[in-house]
């Protein structure tokens, strides 16, 4: 099966495609969150919950594949791999939003993953 990192990348590419299809909406949302910190915090909360759901799903997927149980070390390894991959995703999105690179999002994600 796919690695944790590959699964996070696949999910991120779907999200990034939305960003690339509608950059004006993302720009307006970013400006709004900068002007209204409370809204920015709500967005962060939504993303944190989405990250938690993804990590929990990855752990459950591994648990099922292992026949119903995982050691604490295995769960920890999955969580660390997923959260580090999600950090790379956030860095790639941030670099795209600030215009740091003239490259497609998938290329920026690959560059971020190479730094892990």
C-alpha atoms as a PDB file:
ATOM      1  CA  UNK A   1       0.000   0.000   0.000  1.00  0.00           C
ATOM      2  CA  UNK A   2       0.847   3.637  -0.065  1.00  0.00           C
ATOM      3  CA  UNK A   3       3.014   5.196   2.608  1.00  0.00           C
ATOM      4  CA  UNK A   4       1.659   7.762   5.044  1.00  0.00           C
ATOM      5  CA  UNK A   5       3.551  10.455   3.181  1.00  0.00           C
ATOM      6  CA  UNK A   6       2.082   9.380  -0.176  1.00  0.00           C
ATOM      7  CA  UNK A   7      -1.446   9.466   1.219  1.00  0.00           C
ATOM      8  CA  UNK A   8      -0.956  12.925   2.737  1.00  0.00           C
ATOM      9  CA  UNK A   9       0.476  14.102  -0.594  1.00  0.00           C
ATOM     10  CA  UNK A  10      -2.551  12.784  -2.518  1.00  0.00           C
ATOM     11  CA  UNK A  11      -4.963  14.525  -0.142  1.00  0.00           C
ATOM     12  CA  UNK A  12      -2.923  17.731  -0.317  1.00  0.00           C
ATOM     13  CA  UNK A  13      -2.886  17.744  -4.107  1.00  0.00           C
ATOM     14  CA  UNK A  14      -6.692  17.776  -4.140  1.00  0.00           C
ATOM     15  CA  UNK A  15      -6.682  20.752  -1.759  1.00  0.00           C
ATOM     16  CA  UNK A  16      -3.944  22.496  -3.722  1.00  0.00           C
ATOM     17  CA  UNK A  17      -5.857  22.054  -6.984  1.00  0.00           C
ATOM     18  CA  UNK A  18      -8.684  24.090  -5.457  1.00  0.00           C
ATOM     19  CA  UNK A  19      -6.210  26.823  -4.551  1.00  0.00           C
ATOM     20  CA  UNK A  20      -4.788  26.907  -8.069  1.00  0.00           C
ATOM     21  CA  UNK A  21      -8.275  26.941  -9.667  1.00  0.00           C
ATOM     22  CA  UNK A  22      -9.451  29.904  -7.595  1.00  0.00           C
ATOM     23  CA  UNK A  23      -6.473  31.961  -6.435  1.00  0.00           C
ATOM     24  CA  UNK A  24      -8.572  35.115  -6.012  1.00  0.00           C
ATOM     25  CA  UNK A  25     -10.784  33.447  -3.419  1.00  0.00           C
ATOM     26  CA  UNK A  26      -7.741  32.277  -1.457  1.00  0.00           C
ATOM     27  CA  UNK A  27      -6.201  35.748  -1.685  1.00  0.00           C
ATOM     28  CA  UNK A  28      -9.388  37.363  -0.365  1.00  0.00           C
ATOM     29  CA  UNK A  29      -9.619  34.812   2.452  1.00  0.00           C
ATOM     30  CA  UNK A  30      -5.984  35.442   3.383  1.00  0.00           C
ATOM     31  CA  UNK A  31      -6.546  39.212   3.454  1.00  0.00           C
ATOM     32  CA  UNK A  32      -9.666  38.754   5.586  1.00  0.00           C
ATOM     33  CA  UNK A  33      -7.849  36.564   8.096  1.00  0.00           C
ATOM     34  CA  UNK A  34      -5.045  39.118   8.357  1.00  0.00           C
ATOM     35  CA  UNK A  35      -7.546  41.922   9.032  1.00  0.00           C
ATOM     36  CA  UNK A  36      -9.699  39.849  11.403  1.00  0.00           C
ATOM     37  CA  UNK A  37      -7.474  37.673  13.629  1.00  0.00           C
ATOM     38  CA  UNK A  38     -10.495  35.879  15.162  1.00  0.00           C
ATOM     39  CA  UNK A  39     -11.447  34.578  11.723  1.00  0.00           C
ATOM     40  CA  UNK A  40      -7.867  33.502  11.123  1.00  0.00           C
ATOM     41  CA  UNK A  41      -7.937  31.520  14.361  1.00  0.00           C
ATOM     42  CA  UNK A  42     -11.154  29.814  13.283  1.00  0.00           C
ATOM     43  CA  UNK A  43      -9.546  28.762  10.000  1.00  0.00           C
ATOM     44  CA  UNK A  44      -6.548  27.412  11.904  1.00  0.00           C
ATOM     45  CA  UNK A  45      -8.924  25.435  14.097  1.00  0.00           C
ATOM     46  CA  UNK A  46     -10.657  23.960  11.069  1.00  0.00           C
ATOM     47  CA  UNK A  47      -7.327  22.937   9.534  1.00  0.00           C
ATOM     48  CA  UNK A  48      -6.127  21.465  12.828  1.00  0.00           C
ATOM     49  CA  UNK A  49      -9.299  19.363  13.086  1.00  0.00           C
ATOM     50  CA  UNK A  50      -8.923  18.228   9.472  1.00  0.00           C
ATOM     51  CA  UNK A  51      -5.314  17.233  10.176  1.00  0.00           C
ATOM     52  CA  UNK A  52      -6.400  15.277  13.264  1.00  0.00           C
ATOM     53  CA  UNK A  53      -9.081  13.430  11.280  1.00  0.00           C
ATOM     54  CA  UNK A  54      -6.552  12.516   8.597  1.00  0.00           C
ATOM     55  CA  UNK A  55      -3.991  11.277  11.143  1.00  0.00           C
ATOM     56  CA  UNK A  56      -6.652   9.257  12.963  1.00  0.00           C
ATOM     57  CA  UNK A  57      -7.769   7.720   9.654  1.00  0.00           C
ATOM     58  CA  UNK A  58      -4.185   6.777   8.794  1.00  0.00           C
ATOM     59  CA  UNK A  59      -3.726   5.123  12.183  1.00  0.00           C
ATOM     60  CA  UNK A  60      -7.006   3.248  11.790  1.00  0.00           C
ATOM     61  CA  UNK A  61      -6.041   2.134   8.280  1.00  0.00           C
ATOM     62  CA  UNK A  62      -2.777   0.719   9.632  1.00  0.00           C
ATOM     63  CA  UNK A  63      -4.598  -0.898  12.545  1.00  0.00           C
ATOM     64  CA  UNK A  64      -6.986  -2.704  10.192  1.00  0.00           C
ATOM     65  CA  UNK A  65      -4.103  -3.752   7.938  1.00  0.00           C
ATOM     66  CA  UNK A  66      -2.292  -5.152  11.002  1.00  0.00           C
ATOM     67  CA  UNK A  67      -5.271  -7.259  11.973  1.00  0.00           C
ATOM     68  CA  UNK A  68      -6.793  -5.017  14.595  1.00  0.00           C
ATOM     69  CA  UNK A  69      -4.030  -3.692  16.803  1.00  0.00           C
ATOM     70  CA  UNK A  70      -0.951  -1.503  16.667  1.00  0.00           C
ATOM     71  CA  UNK A  71       1.717  -0.857  19.262  1.00  0.00           C
ATOM     72  CA  UNK A  72       2.024   2.600  20.750  1.00  0.00           C
ATOM     73  CA  UNK A  73       5.330   2.935  18.862  1.00  0.00           C
ATOM     74  CA  UNK A  74       3.630   2.138  15.546  1.00  0.00           C
ATOM     75  CA  UNK A  75       0.846   4.667  16.190  1.00  0.00           C
ATOM     76  CA  UNK A  76       3.439   7.264  17.182  1.00  0.00           C
ATOM     77  CA  UNK A  77       5.470   6.645  14.019  1.00  0.00           C
ATOM     78  CA  UNK A  78       2.376   7.089  11.843  1.00  0.00           C
ATOM     79  CA  UNK A  79       1.413  10.297  13.647  1.00  0.00           C
ATOM     80  CA  UNK A  80       4.928  11.744  13.322  1.00  0.00           C
ATOM     81  CA  UNK A  81       5.125  10.841   9.610  1.00  0.00           C
ATOM     82  CA  UNK A  82       1.703  12.334   8.931  1.00  0.00           C
ATOM     83  CA  UNK A  83       2.261  15.543  10.892  1.00  0.00           C
ATOM     84  CA  UNK A  84       5.670  16.120   9.300  1.00  0.00           C
ATOM     85  CA  UNK A  85       4.146  15.605   5.845  1.00  0.00           C
ATOM     86  CA  UNK A  86       1.312  18.005   6.736  1.00  0.00           C
ATOM     87  CA  UNK A  87       3.919  20.561   7.810  1.00  0.00           C
ATOM     88  CA  UNK A  88       5.553  20.260   4.397  1.00  0.00           C
ATOM     89  CA  UNK A  89       2.149  20.788   2.791  1.00  0.00           C
ATOM     90  CA  UNK A  90       1.571  23.955   4.828  1.00  0.00           C
ATOM     91  CA  UNK A  91       5.038  25.258   3.932  1.00  0.00           C
ATOM     92  CA  UNK A  92       4.419  24.645   0.217  1.00  0.00           C
ATOM     93  CA  UNK A  93       1.047  26.410   0.358  1.00  0.00           C
ATOM     94  CA  UNK A  94       2.574  29.325   2.239  1.00  0.00           C
ATOM     95  CA  UNK A  95       5.385  29.728  -0.288  1.00  0.00           C
ATOM     96  CA  UNK A  96       2.821  29.671  -3.075  1.00  0.00           C
ATOM     97  CA  UNK A  97       0.560  32.243  -1.404  1.00  0.00           C
ATOM     98  CA  UNK A  98       3.382  34.716  -0.790  1.00  0.00           C
ATOM     99  CA  UNK A  99       4.636  34.297  -4.361  1.00  0.00           C
ATOM    100  CA  UNK A 100       8.049  33.047  -3.307  1.00  0.00           C
ATOM    101  CA  UNK A 101       8.314  30.685  -6.283  1.00  0.00           C
ATOM    102  CA  UNK A 102       6.903  30.680  -9.785  1.00  0.00           C
ATOM    103  CA  UNK A 103       6.091  26.980  -9.803  1.00  0.00           C
ATOM    104  CA  UNK A 104       3.011  24.789  -9.659  1.00  0.00           C
ATOM    105  CA  UNK A 105       1.869  23.707  -6.214  1.00  0.00           C
ATOM    106  CA  UNK A 106       2.759  20.050  -6.863  1.00  0.00           C
ATOM    107  CA  UNK A 107       6.352  21.095  -7.605  1.00  0.00           C
ATOM    108  CA  UNK A 108       6.508  23.113  -4.389  1.00  0.00           C
ATOM    109  CA  UNK A 109       5.127  20.161  -2.459  1.00  0.00           C
ATOM    110  CA  UNK A 110       7.768  17.874  -3.959  1.00  0.00           C
ATOM    111  CA  UNK A 111      10.445  20.400  -2.979  1.00  0.00           C
ATOM    112  CA  UNK A 112       9.086  20.573   0.563  1.00  0.00           C
ATOM    113  CA  UNK A 113       8.960  16.769   0.810  1.00  0.00           C
ATOM    114  CA  UNK A 114      12.571  16.565  -0.359  1.00  0.00           C
ATOM    115  CA  UNK A 115      13.537  18.661   2.664  1.00  0.00           C
ATOM    116  CA  UNK A 116      11.925  16.270   5.159  1.00  0.00           C
END
